[in-house]
All heavy atoms as atom14 arrays in JSON, in Angstrom:
{
  "sequence": "VTEWLRDEGEAATRLRAYVDGLRPAADQSSPPIMLQLWIDAKGVVTR",
  "atom14_mask": [
    [1, 1, 1, 1, 1, 1, 1, 0, 0, 0, 0, 0, 0, 0],
    [1, 1, 1, 1, 1, 1, 1, 0, 0, 0, 0, 0, 0, 0],
    [1, 1, 1, 1, 1, 1, 1, 1, 1, 0, 0, 0, 0, 0],
    [1, 1, 1, 1, 1, 1, 1, 1, 1, 1, 1, 1, 1, 1],
    [1, 1, 1, 1, 1, 1, 1, 1, 0, 0, 0, 0, 0, 0],
    [1, 1, 1, 1, 1, 1, 1, 1, 1, 1, 1, 0, 0, 0],
    [1, 1, 1, 1, 1, 1, 1, 1, 0, 0, 0, 0, 0, 0],
    [1, 1, 1, 1, 1, 1, 1, 1, 1, 0, 0, 0, 0, 0],
    [1, 1, 1, 1, 0, 0, 0, 0, 0, 0, 0, 0, 0, 0],
    [1, 1, 1, 1, 1, 1, 1, 1, 1, 0, 0, 0, 0, 0],
    [1, 1, 1, 1, 1, 0, 0, 0, 0, 0, 0, 0, 0, 0],
    [1, 1, 1, 1, 1, 0, 0, 0, 0, 0, 0, 0, 0, 0],
    [1, 1, 1, 1, 1, 1, 1, 0, 0, 0, 0, 0, 0, 0],
    [1, 1, 1, 1, 1, 1, 1, 1, 1, 1, 1, 0, 0, 0],
    [1, 1, 1, 1, 1, 1, 1, 1, 0, 0, 0, 0, 0, 0],
    [1, 1, 1, 1, 1, 1, 1, 1, 1, 1, 1, 0, 0, 0],
    [1, 1, 1, 1, 1, 0, 0, 0, 0, 0, 0, 0, 0, 0],
    [1, 1, 1, 1, 1, 1, 1, 1, 1, 1, 1, 1, 0, 0],
    [1, 1, 1, 1, 1, 1, 1, 0, 0, 0, 0, 0, 0, 0],
    [1, 1, 1, 1, 1, 1, 1, 1, 0, 0, 0, 0, 0, 0],
    [1, 1, 1, 1, 0, 0, 0, 0, 0, 0, 0, 0, 0, 0],
    [1, 1, 1, 1, 1, 1, 1, 1, 0, 0, 0, 0, 0, 0],
    [1, 1, 1, 1, 1, 1, 1, 1, 1, 1, 1, 0, 0, 0],
    [1, 1, 1, 1, 1, 1, 1, 0, 0, 0, 0, 0, 0, 0],
    [1, 1, 1, 1, 1, 0, 0, 0, 0, 0, 0, 0, 0, 0],
    [1, 1, 1, 1, 1, 0, 0, 0, 0, 0, 0, 0, 0, 0],
    [1, 1, 1, 1, 1, 1, 1, 1, 0, 0, 0, 0, 0, 0],
    [1, 1, 1, 1, 1, 1, 1, 1, 1, 0, 0, 0, 0, 0],
    [1, 1, 1, 1, 1, 1, 0, 0, 0, 0, 0, 0, 0, 0],
    [1, 1, 1, 1, 1, 1, 0, 0, 0, 0, 0, 0, 0, 0],
    [1, 1, 1, 1, 1, 1, 1, 0, 0, 0, 0, 0, 0, 0],
    [1, 1, 1, 1, 1, 1, 1, 0, 0, 0, 0, 0, 0, 0],
    [1, 1, 1, 1, 1, 1, 1, 1, 0, 0, 0, 0, 0, 0],
    [1, 1, 1, 1, 1, 1, 1, 1, 0, 0, 0, 0, 0, 0],
    [1, 1, 1, 1, 1, 1, 1, 1, 0, 0, 0, 0, 0, 0],
    [1, 1, 1, 1, 1, 1, 1, 1, 1, 0, 0, 0, 0, 0],
    [1, 1, 1, 1, 1, 1, 1, 1, 0, 0, 0, 0, 0, 0],
    [1, 1, 1, 1, 1, 1, 1, 1, 1, 1, 1, 1, 1, 1],
    [1, 1, 1, 1, 1, 1, 1, 1, 0, 0, 0, 0, 0, 0],
    [1, 1, 1, 1, 1, 1, 1, 1, 0, 0, 0, 0, 0, 0],
    [1, 1, 1, 1, 1, 0, 0, 0, 0, 0, 0, 0, 0, 0],
    [1, 1, 1, 1, 1, 1, 1, 1, 1, 0, 0, 0, 0, 0],
    [1, 1, 1, 1, 0, 0, 0, 0, 0, 0, 0, 0, 0, 0],
    [1, 1, 1, 1, 1, 1, 1, 0, 0, 0, 0, 0, 0, 0],
    [1, 1, 1, 1, 1, 1, 1, 0, 0, 0, 0, 0, 0, 0],
    [1, 1, 1, 1, 1, 1, 1, 0, 0, 0, 0, 0, 0, 0],
    [1, 1, 1, 1, 1, 1, 1, 1, 1, 1, 1, 0, 0, 0]
  ],
  "atom14_positions": [
    [[-5.42, 6.15, -2.2], [-4.69, 5.03, -1.88], [-3.4, 5.44, -1.13], [-3.05, 4.74, -0.16], [-4.33, 4.25, -3.1], [-3.26, 3.21, -2.97], [-5.6, 3.62, -3.76], [0.0, 0.0, 0.0], [0.0, 0.0, 0.0], [0.0, 0.0, 0.0], [0.0, 0.0, 0.0], [0.0, 0.0, 0.0], [0.0, 0.0, 0.0], [0.0, 0.0, 0.0]],
    [[-2.71, 6.45, -1.62], [-1.5, 6.92, -0.95], [-1.82, 7.34, 0.6], [-1.23, 6.93, 1.46], [-0.92, 8.12, -1.65], [-0.54, 7.69, -3.0], [0.31, 8.61, -0.86], [0.0, 0.0, 0.0], [0.0, 0.0, 0.0], [0.0, 0.0, 0.0], [0.0, 0.0, 0.0], [0.0, 0.0, 0.0], [0.0, 0.0, 0.0], [0.0, 0.0, 0.0]],
    [[-2.94, 8.01, 0.8], [-3.36, 8.36, 2.15], [-3.68, 7.03, 2.97], [-3.23, 6.94, 4.08], [-4.72, 9.12, 1.94], [-5.37, 9.64, 3.26], [-6.53, 10.46, 2.98], [-6.6, 11.31, 2.14], [-7.47, 10.19, 3.69], [0.0, 0.0, 0.0], [0.0, 0.0, 0.0], [0.0, 0.0, 0.0], [0.0, 0.0, 0.0], [0.0, 0.0, 0.0]],
    [[-4.39, 6.0, 2.42], [-4.63, 4.84, 3.12], [-3.4, 4.15, 3.45], [-3.26, 3.59, 4.65], [-5.62, 3.91, 2.36], [-6.86, 4.43, 2.02], [-7.53, 5.48, 2.76], [-7.7, 4.28, 0.86], [-8.82, 5.71, 2.18], [-8.88, 5.06, 0.97], [-7.57, 3.32, -0.08], [-9.83, 4.92, 0.04], [-8.56, 3.26, -1.06], [-9.75, 4.16, -1.02]],
    [[-2.3, 4.06, 2.56], [-1.28, 3.42, 2.88], [-0.24, 4.08, 3.88], [0.6, 3.55, 4.48], [-0.5, 3.04, 1.61], [-1.15, 2.22, 0.56], [-0.45, 2.06, -0.72], [-1.45, 0.75, 1.13], [0.0, 0.0, 0.0], [0.0, 0.0, 0.0], [0.0, 0.0, 0.0], [0.0, 0.0, 0.0], [0.0, 0.0, 0.0], [0.0, 0.0, 0.0]],
    [[-0.48, 5.48, 3.98], [0.34, 6.18, 4.95], [-0.3, 6.26, 6.35], [0.31, 6.84, 7.24], [0.58, 7.68, 4.44], [1.4, 7.71, 3.23], [1.71, 9.11, 2.88], [2.67, 9.21, 1.74], [2.81, 10.3, 1.02], [2.01, 11.33, 1.14], [3.88, 10.37, 0.09], [0.0, 0.0, 0.0], [0.0, 0.0, 0.0], [0.0, 0.0, 0.0]],
    [[-1.43, 5.77, 6.42], [-2.17, 5.75, 7.75], [-1.37, 5.2, 8.79], [-0.46, 4.41, 8.62], [-3.59, 4.79, 7.42], [-4.39, 4.96, 8.74], [-5.1, 5.95, 8.8], [-4.43, 3.97, 9.55], [0.0, 0.0, 0.0], [0.0, 0.0, 0.0], [0.0, 0.0, 0.0], [0.0, 0.0, 0.0], [0.0, 0.0, 0.0], [0.0, 0.0, 0.0]],
    [[-1.7, 5.68, 10.08], [-0.9, 5.3, 11.22], [-1.56, 4.07, 11.83], [-0.96, 3.55, 12.91], [-0.73, 6.38, 12.18], [0.06, 7.56, 11.66], [1.51, 7.27, 11.27], [2.12, 6.28, 11.92], [1.98, 7.68, 10.22], [0.0, 0.0, 0.0], [0.0, 0.0, 0.0], [0.0, 0.0, 0.0], [0.0, 0.0, 0.0], [0.0, 0.0, 0.0]],
    [[-2.55, 3.47, 11.39], [-3.19, 2.31, 12.01], [-2.32, 1.03, 11.87], [-1.2, 1.03, 11.11], [0.0, 0.0, 0.0], [0.0, 0.0, 0.0], [0.0, 0.0, 0.0], [0.0, 0.0, 0.0], [0.0, 0.0, 0.0], [0.0, 0.0, 0.0], [0.0, 0.0, 0.0], [0.0, 0.0, 0.0], [0.0, 0.0, 0.0], [0.0, 0.0, 0.0]],
    [[-2.59, 0.06, 12.53], [-1.81, -1.18, 12.61], [-1.73, -1.84, 11.35], [-0.47, -2.32, 10.95], [-2.5, -2.15, 13.57], [-2.5, -1.86, 15.02], [-3.11, -2.75, 16.05], [-3.19, -4.03, 15.63], [-3.62, -2.47, 17.06], [0.0, 0.0, 0.0], [0.0, 0.0, 0.0], [0.0, 0.0, 0.0], [0.0, 0.0, 0.0], [0.0, 0.0, 0.0]],
    [[-2.71, -1.92, 10.56], [-2.54, -2.66, 9.18], [-1.66, -1.93, 8.27], [-0.62, -2.54, 7.67], [-3.98, -2.81, 8.59], [0.0, 0.0, 0.0], [0.0, 0.0, 0.0], [0.0, 0.0, 0.0], [0.0, 0.0, 0.0], [0.0, 0.0, 0.0], [0.0, 0.0, 0.0], [0.0, 0.0, 0.0], [0.0, 0.0, 0.0], [0.0, 0.0, 0.0]],
    [[-1.74, -0.7, 8.23], [-0.74, 0.23, 7.26], [0.66, 0.11, 7.87], [1.66, -0.05, 7.09], [-1.3, 1.58, 7.16], [0.0, 0.0, 0.0], [0.0, 0.0, 0.0], [0.0, 0.0, 0.0], [0.0, 0.0, 0.0], [0.0, 0.0, 0.0], [0.0, 0.0, 0.0], [0.0, 0.0, 0.0], [0.0, 0.0, 0.0], [0.0, 0.0, 0.0]],
    [[0.79, 0.23, 9.15], [2.07, 0.25, 9.75], [2.84, -1.15, 9.48], [3.91, -1.28, 9.11], [1.96, 0.45, 11.26], [1.42, 1.82, 11.39], [3.35, 0.39, 11.87], [0.0, 0.0, 0.0], [0.0, 0.0, 0.0], [0.0, 0.0, 0.0], [0.0, 0.0, 0.0], [0.0, 0.0, 0.0], [0.0, 0.0, 0.0], [0.0, 0.0, 0.0]],
    [[2.04, -2.29, 9.69], [2.51, -3.63, 9.44], [2.85, -3.73, 7.94], [4.01, -4.26, 7.62], [1.54, -4.61, 9.81], [1.55, -5.11, 11.16], [0.66, -6.34, 11.47], [-0.57, -6.27, 10.88], [-1.7, -5.98, 11.46], [-1.72, -5.56, 12.73], [-2.92, -6.01, 10.8], [0.0, 0.0, 0.0], [0.0, 0.0, 0.0], [0.0, 0.0, 0.0]],
    [[1.95, -3.31, 7.12], [2.28, -3.47, 5.62], [3.44, -2.74, 5.18], [4.23, -3.25, 4.44], [1.0, -2.94, 4.77], [1.11, -3.15, 3.28], [1.31, -4.61, 2.87], [0.07, -2.52, 2.7], [0.0, 0.0, 0.0], [0.0, 0.0, 0.0], [0.0, 0.0, 0.0], [0.0, 0.0, 0.0], [0.0, 0.0, 0.0], [0.0, 0.0, 0.0]],
    [[3.57, -1.46, 5.64], [4.84, -0.74, 5.36], [6.17, -1.38, 5.91], [7.1, -1.44, 4.97], [4.74, 0.72, 5.79], [3.79, 1.68, 5.08], [3.93, 3.16, 5.44], [3.87, 3.36, 7.01], [2.76, 3.61, 7.62], [1.57, 3.66, 7.01], [2.84, 3.81, 8.99], [0.0, 0.0, 0.0], [0.0, 0.0, 0.0], [0.0, 0.0, 0.0]],
    [[6.04, -1.95, 7.06], [7.27, -2.65, 7.54], [7.62, -3.86, 6.61], [8.79, -4.13, 6.34], [7.0, -3.09, 8.89], [0.0, 0.0, 0.0], [0.0, 0.0, 0.0], [0.0, 0.0, 0.0], [0.0, 0.0, 0.0], [0.0, 0.0, 0.0], [0.0, 0.0, 0.0], [0.0, 0.0, 0.0], [0.0, 0.0, 0.0], [0.0, 0.0, 0.0]],
    [[6.57, -4.61, 6.2], [6.74, -5.73, 5.41], [7.27, -5.31, 4.01], [8.29, -5.93, 3.57], [5.41, -6.5, 5.2], [5.59, -7.66, 4.25], [6.13, -8.96, 4.76], [5.26, -7.6, 2.94], [6.21, -9.93, 3.89], [5.44, -8.63, 2.09], [5.87, -9.92, 2.57], [6.06, -10.9, 1.68], [0.0, 0.0, 0.0], [0.0, 0.0, 0.0]],
    [[6.74, -4.26, 3.29], [7.07, -3.92, 2.07], [8.47, -3.23, 2.22], [9.3, -3.45, 1.28], [6.05, -2.94, 1.45], [6.61, -2.4, 0.12], [4.76, -3.8, 1.14], [0.0, 0.0, 0.0], [0.0, 0.0, 0.0], [0.0, 0.0, 0.0], [0.0, 0.0, 0.0], [0.0, 0.0, 0.0], [0.0, 0.0, 0.0], [0.0, 0.0, 0.0]],
    [[8.79, -2.56, 3.27], [10.14, -1.99, 3.48], [11.17, -3.21, 3.36], [12.33, -2.91, 2.87], [10.17, -1.39, 4.86], [11.41, -0.45, 4.97], [11.74, 0.29, 4.03], [12.12, -0.69, 5.95], [0.0, 0.0, 0.0], [0.0, 0.0, 0.0], [0.0, 0.0, 0.0], [0.0, 0.0, 0.0], [0.0, 0.0, 0.0], [0.0, 0.0, 0.0]],
    [[10.88, -4.34, 3.87], [11.81, -5.46, 3.79], [12.06, -5.95, 2.44], [12.85, -6.88, 2.26], [0.0, 0.0, 0.0], [0.0, 0.0, 0.0], [0.0, 0.0, 0.0], [0.0, 0.0, 0.0], [0.0, 0.0, 0.0], [0.0, 0.0, 0.0], [0.0, 0.0, 0.0], [0.0, 0.0, 0.0], [0.0, 0.0, 0.0], [0.0, 0.0, 0.0]],
    [[11.33, -5.55, 1.42], [11.42, -6.07, 0.1], [12.19, -5.12, -0.77], [12.48, -5.54, -1.93], [9.97, -6.16, -0.64], [9.01, -7.0, 0.06], [7.61, -6.9, -0.55], [9.45, -8.51, 0.07], [0.0, 0.0, 0.0], [0.0, 0.0, 0.0], [0.0, 0.0, 0.0], [0.0, 0.0, 0.0], [0.0, 0.0, 0.0], [0.0, 0.0, 0.0]],
    [[12.74, -4.19, -0.25], [13.65, -3.21, -0.95], [14.97, -3.97, -1.35], [15.46, -4.72, -0.59], [14.16, -1.99, -0.08], [13.08, -1.08, 0.36], [13.83, -0.07, 1.27], [12.81, 0.62, 2.12], [12.21, 1.68, 1.53], [12.6, 2.18, 0.41], [11.36, 2.3, 2.24], [0.0, 0.0, 0.0], [0.0, 0.0, 0.0], [0.0, 0.0, 0.0]],
    [[15.39, -3.7, -2.59], [16.74, -4.15, -2.94], [17.89, -3.59, -2.18], [18.93, -4.35, -1.85], [16.89, -3.85, -4.4], [15.79, -2.91, -4.77], [14.8, -2.87, -3.59], [0.0, 0.0, 0.0], [0.0, 0.0, 0.0], [0.0, 0.0, 0.0], [0.0, 0.0, 0.0], [0.0, 0.0, 0.0], [0.0, 0.0, 0.0], [0.0, 0.0, 0.0]],
    [[17.75, -2.43, -1.62], [18.78, -1.72, -0.78], [18.06, -0.62, -0.1], [16.91, -0.15, -0.45], [19.89, -0.93, -1.62], [0.0, 0.0, 0.0], [0.0, 0.0, 0.0], [0.0, 0.0, 0.0], [0.0, 0.0, 0.0], [0.0, 0.0, 0.0], [0.0, 0.0, 0.0], [0.0, 0.0, 0.0], [0.0, 0.0, 0.0], [0.0, 0.0, 0.0]],
    [[18.6, -0.21, 0.98], [17.91, 0.74, 1.98], [17.63, 2.03, 1.28], [16.64, 2.78, 1.67], [18.83, 0.96, 3.08], [0.0, 0.0, 0.0], [0.0, 0.0, 0.0], [0.0, 0.0, 0.0], [0.0, 0.0, 0.0], [0.0, 0.0, 0.0], [0.0, 0.0, 0.0], [0.0, 0.0, 0.0], [0.0, 0.0, 0.0], [0.0, 0.0, 0.0]],
    [[18.41, 2.43, 0.21], [18.17, 3.73, -0.29], [17.39, 3.74, -1.61], [17.28, 4.57, -2.33], [19.62, 4.42, -0.7], [20.42, 3.69, -1.65], [20.21, 2.4, -1.79], [21.38, 4.22, -2.24], [0.0, 0.0, 0.0], [0.0, 0.0, 0.0], [0.0, 0.0, 0.0], [0.0, 0.0, 0.0], [0.0, 0.0, 0.0], [0.0, 0.0, 0.0]],
    [[16.73, 2.45, -1.83], [16.08, 2.3, -3.13], [14.52, 2.15, -2.7], [14.15, 1.65, -1.63], [16.51, 1.09, -3.87], [17.84, 1.24, -4.46], [18.39, 0.12, -5.33], [17.72, -0.9, -5.37], [19.59, 0.22, -5.75], [0.0, 0.0, 0.0], [0.0, 0.0, 0.0], [0.0, 0.0, 0.0], [0.0, 0.0, 0.0], [0.0, 0.0, 0.0]],
    [[13.66, 2.46, -3.64], [12.24, 2.2, -3.49], [11.86, 0.71, -3.45], [12.65, -0.09, -4.14], [11.36, 2.9, -4.45], [11.46, 4.26, -4.46], [0.0, 0.0, 0.0], [0.0, 0.0, 0.0], [0.0, 0.0, 0.0], [0.0, 0.0, 0.0], [0.0, 0.0, 0.0], [0.0, 0.0, 0.0], [0.0, 0.0, 0.0], [0.0, 0.0, 0.0]],
    [[10.82, 0.33, -2.91], [10.52, -1.06, -2.98], [9.93, -1.43, -4.28], [9.57, -0.48, -5.17], [9.3, -1.33, -1.98], [8.14, -0.58, -2.39], [0.0, 0.0, 0.0], [0.0, 0.0, 0.0], [0.0, 0.0, 0.0], [0.0, 0.0, 0.0], [0.0, 0.0, 0.0], [0.0, 0.0, 0.0], [0.0, 0.0, 0.0], [0.0, 0.0, 0.0]],
    [[9.85, -2.79, -4.65], [9.26, -3.05, -5.93], [7.78, -2.54, -5.95], [7.15, -2.51, -4.93], [9.24, -4.53, -6.0], [10.24, -4.97, -4.91], [10.22, -3.88, -3.86], [0.0, 0.0, 0.0], [0.0, 0.0, 0.0], [0.0, 0.0, 0.0], [0.0, 0.0, 0.0], [0.0, 0.0, 0.0], [0.0, 0.0, 0.0], [0.0, 0.0, 0.0]],
    [[7.26, -2.11, -7.11], [5.98, -1.57, -7.31], [5.01, -2.69, -6.9], [5.09, -3.91, -7.3], [5.78, -1.06, -8.64], [6.8, -1.59, -9.38], [8.02, -1.97, -8.43], [0.0, 0.0, 0.0], [0.0, 0.0, 0.0], [0.0, 0.0, 0.0], [0.0, 0.0, 0.0], [0.0, 0.0, 0.0], [0.0, 0.0, 0.0], [0.0, 0.0, 0.0]],
    [[3.77, -2.38, -6.33], [2.72, -3.25, -6.14], [1.65, -2.85, -7.13], [1.13, -1.69, -7.09], [2.11, -3.11, -4.7], [3.18, -3.29, -3.7], [0.92, -4.12, -4.42], [2.81, -2.83, -2.21], [0.0, 0.0, 0.0], [0.0, 0.0, 0.0], [0.0, 0.0, 0.0], [0.0, 0.0, 0.0], [0.0, 0.0, 0.0], [0.0, 0.0, 0.0]],
    [[1.36, -3.78, -8.02], [0.53, -3.49, -9.04], [-1.0, -3.79, -8.52], [-1.3, -4.87, -8.28], [0.7, -4.27, -10.18], [2.17, -4.16, -10.87], [2.74, -2.39, -11.07], [1.58, -1.94, -12.44], [0.0, 0.0, 0.0], [0.0, 0.0, 0.0], [0.0, 0.0, 0.0], [0.0, 0.0, 0.0], [0.0, 0.0, 0.0], [0.0, 0.0, 0.0]],
    [[-1.82, -2.66, -8.48], [-3.09, -2.81, -7.94], [-4.18, -2.76, -9.11], [-3.94, -1.96, -10.07], [-3.4, -1.74, -7.02], [-2.49, -1.61, -5.86], [-2.77, -0.22, -4.99], [-2.67, -2.72, -4.87], [0.0, 0.0, 0.0], [0.0, 0.0, 0.0], [0.0, 0.0, 0.0], [0.0, 0.0, 0.0], [0.0, 0.0, 0.0], [0.0, 0.0, 0.0]],
    [[-5.32, -3.58, -8.89], [-6.4, -3.37, -9.72], [-7.57, -3.15, -8.78], [-7.85, -3.98, -7.87], [-6.7, -4.73, -10.45], [-5.61, -4.9, -11.52], [-5.93, -6.33, -12.32], [-6.93, -6.36, -13.07], [-5.08, -7.32, -12.05], [0.0, 0.0, 0.0], [0.0, 0.0, 0.0], [0.0, 0.0, 0.0], [0.0, 0.0, 0.0], [0.0, 0.0, 0.0]],
    [[-8.34, -1.97, -9.02], [-9.24, -1.76, -8.08], [-10.6, -1.53, -8.77], [-10.71, -0.95, -9.83], [-9.02, -0.35, -7.34], [-7.72, -0.32, -6.62], [-7.52, 1.2, -6.12], [-7.62, -1.28, -5.49], [0.0, 0.0, 0.0], [0.0, 0.0, 0.0], [0.0, 0.0, 0.0], [0.0, 0.0, 0.0], [0.0, 0.0, 0.0], [0.0, 0.0, 0.0]],
    [[-11.71, -2.2, -8.22], [-12.97, -2.14, -8.66], [-13.64, -0.99, -7.69], [-13.72, -1.3, -6.58], [-13.69, -3.32, -8.78], [-13.31, -4.27, -9.79], [-14.0, -4.51, -11.05], [-12.16, -5.04, -9.94], [-13.45, -5.31, -11.87], [-12.2, -5.8, -11.2], [-11.1, -5.37, -9.0], [-11.24, -6.66, -11.66], [-10.12, -6.27, -9.49], [-10.19, -6.84, -10.71]],
    [[-14.33, 0.01, -8.28], [-14.91, 1.05, -7.49], [-16.44, 1.16, -7.87], [-16.71, 1.22, -9.12], [-14.26, 2.31, -7.69], [-12.75, 2.07, -7.29], [-14.83, 3.39, -6.82], [-11.79, 3.24, -7.8], [0.0, 0.0, 0.0], [0.0, 0.0, 0.0], [0.0, 0.0, 0.0], [0.0, 0.0, 0.0], [0.0, 0.0, 0.0], [0.0, 0.0, 0.0]],
    [[-17.27, 1.08, -6.91], [-18.74, 1.08, -7.25], [-19.31, 2.51, -7.53], [-18.47, 3.51, -7.48], [-19.6, 0.52, -6.18], [-19.55, 1.18, -4.88], [-19.27, 2.4, -4.81], [-20.09, 0.52, -3.9], [0.0, 0.0, 0.0], [0.0, 0.0, 0.0], [0.0, 0.0, 0.0], [0.0, 0.0, 0.0], [0.0, 0.0, 0.0], [0.0, 0.0, 0.0]],
    [[-20.52, 2.62, -7.9], [-21.05, 3.94, -8.25], [-21.05, 4.97, -7.21], [-21.19, 6.13, -7.44], [-22.46, 3.72, -8.83], [0.0, 0.0, 0.0], [0.0, 0.0, 0.0], [0.0, 0.0, 0.0], [0.0, 0.0, 0.0], [0.0, 0.0, 0.0], [0.0, 0.0, 0.0], [0.0, 0.0, 0.0], [0.0, 0.0, 0.0], [0.0, 0.0, 0.0]],
    [[-20.93, 4.55, -5.95], [-20.81, 5.43, -4.77], [-19.3, 5.95, -4.44], [-19.08, 6.57, -3.54], [-21.52, 4.85, -3.59], [-23.0, 4.45, -3.78], [-23.56, 3.78, -2.58], [-24.98, 3.47, -2.82], [-25.59, 2.72, -1.7], [0.0, 0.0, 0.0], [0.0, 0.0, 0.0], [0.0, 0.0, 0.0], [0.0, 0.0, 0.0], [0.0, 0.0, 0.0]],
    [[-18.42, 5.34, -5.27], [-17.04, 5.68, -5.08], [-16.3, 4.87, -3.99], [-15.42, 5.27, -3.3], [0.0, 0.0, 0.0], [0.0, 0.0, 0.0], [0.0, 0.0, 0.0], [0.0, 0.0, 0.0], [0.0, 0.0, 0.0], [0.0, 0.0, 0.0], [0.0, 0.0, 0.0], [0.0, 0.0, 0.0], [0.0, 0.0, 0.0], [0.0, 0.0, 0.0]],
    [[-16.8, 3.6, -3.68], [-16.22, 2.66, -2.68], [-15.54, 1.57, -3.38], [-16.14, 0.98, -4.34], [-17.34, 2.2, -1.63], [-16.86, 1.21, -0.73], [-17.99, 3.36, -1.05], [0.0, 0.0, 0.0], [0.0, 0.0, 0.0], [0.0, 0.0, 0.0], [0.0, 0.0, 0.0], [0.0, 0.0, 0.0], [0.0, 0.0, 0.0], [0.0, 0.0, 0.0]],
    [[-14.37, 1.41, -2.95], [-13.68, 0.2, -3.37], [-14.25, -1.06, -3.01], [-14.38, -1.45, -1.74], [-12.09, 0.17, -2.9], [-11.37, -1.03, -3.46], [-11.34, 1.57, -3.49], [0.0, 0.0, 0.0], [0.0, 0.0, 0.0], [0.0, 0.0, 0.0], [0.0, 0.0, 0.0], [0.0, 0.0, 0.0], [0.0, 0.0, 0.0], [0.0, 0.0, 0.0]],
    [[-14.73, -1.84, -3.9], [-15.37, -3.08, -3.62], [-14.56, -4.37, -3.8], [-14.93, -5.42, -3.34], [-16.81, -3.31, -4.52], [-16.38, -3.28, -5.79], [-17.61, -2.14, -4.13], [0.0, 0.0, 0.0], [0.0, 0.0, 0.0], [0.0, 0.0, 0.0], [0.0, 0.0, 0.0], [0.0, 0.0, 0.0], [0.0, 0.0, 0.0], [0.0, 0.0, 0.0]],
    [[-13.49, -4.16, -4.55], [-12.7, -5.48, -4.99], [-11.25, -4.84, -5.17], [-11.08, -3.78, -5.8], [-13.24, -6.04, -6.12], [-12.53, -7.39, -6.53], [-13.22, -8.02, -7.61], [-12.35, -8.96, -8.31], [-12.6, -9.38, -9.54], [-13.78, -9.13, -10.1], [-11.9, -10.26, -10.12], [0.0, 0.0, 0.0], [0.0, 0.0, 0.0], [0.0, 0.0, 0.0]]
  ]
}
C-alpha cells in the first residue's frame, strides 16, 4: 500500500496533493486514512 501511494502516476500524485492539504500544519502528518481491504486467494485487492 505504501508503494502504491508513493507511485509517481497521476492518481497517486493527485491523492498525495489532496491529502497534503488536510494536514493541520505543514510540519505535521495528515490525519490517518483508515483502510479496510479485502484480498482474494490470489493476493489481489478486490474491495
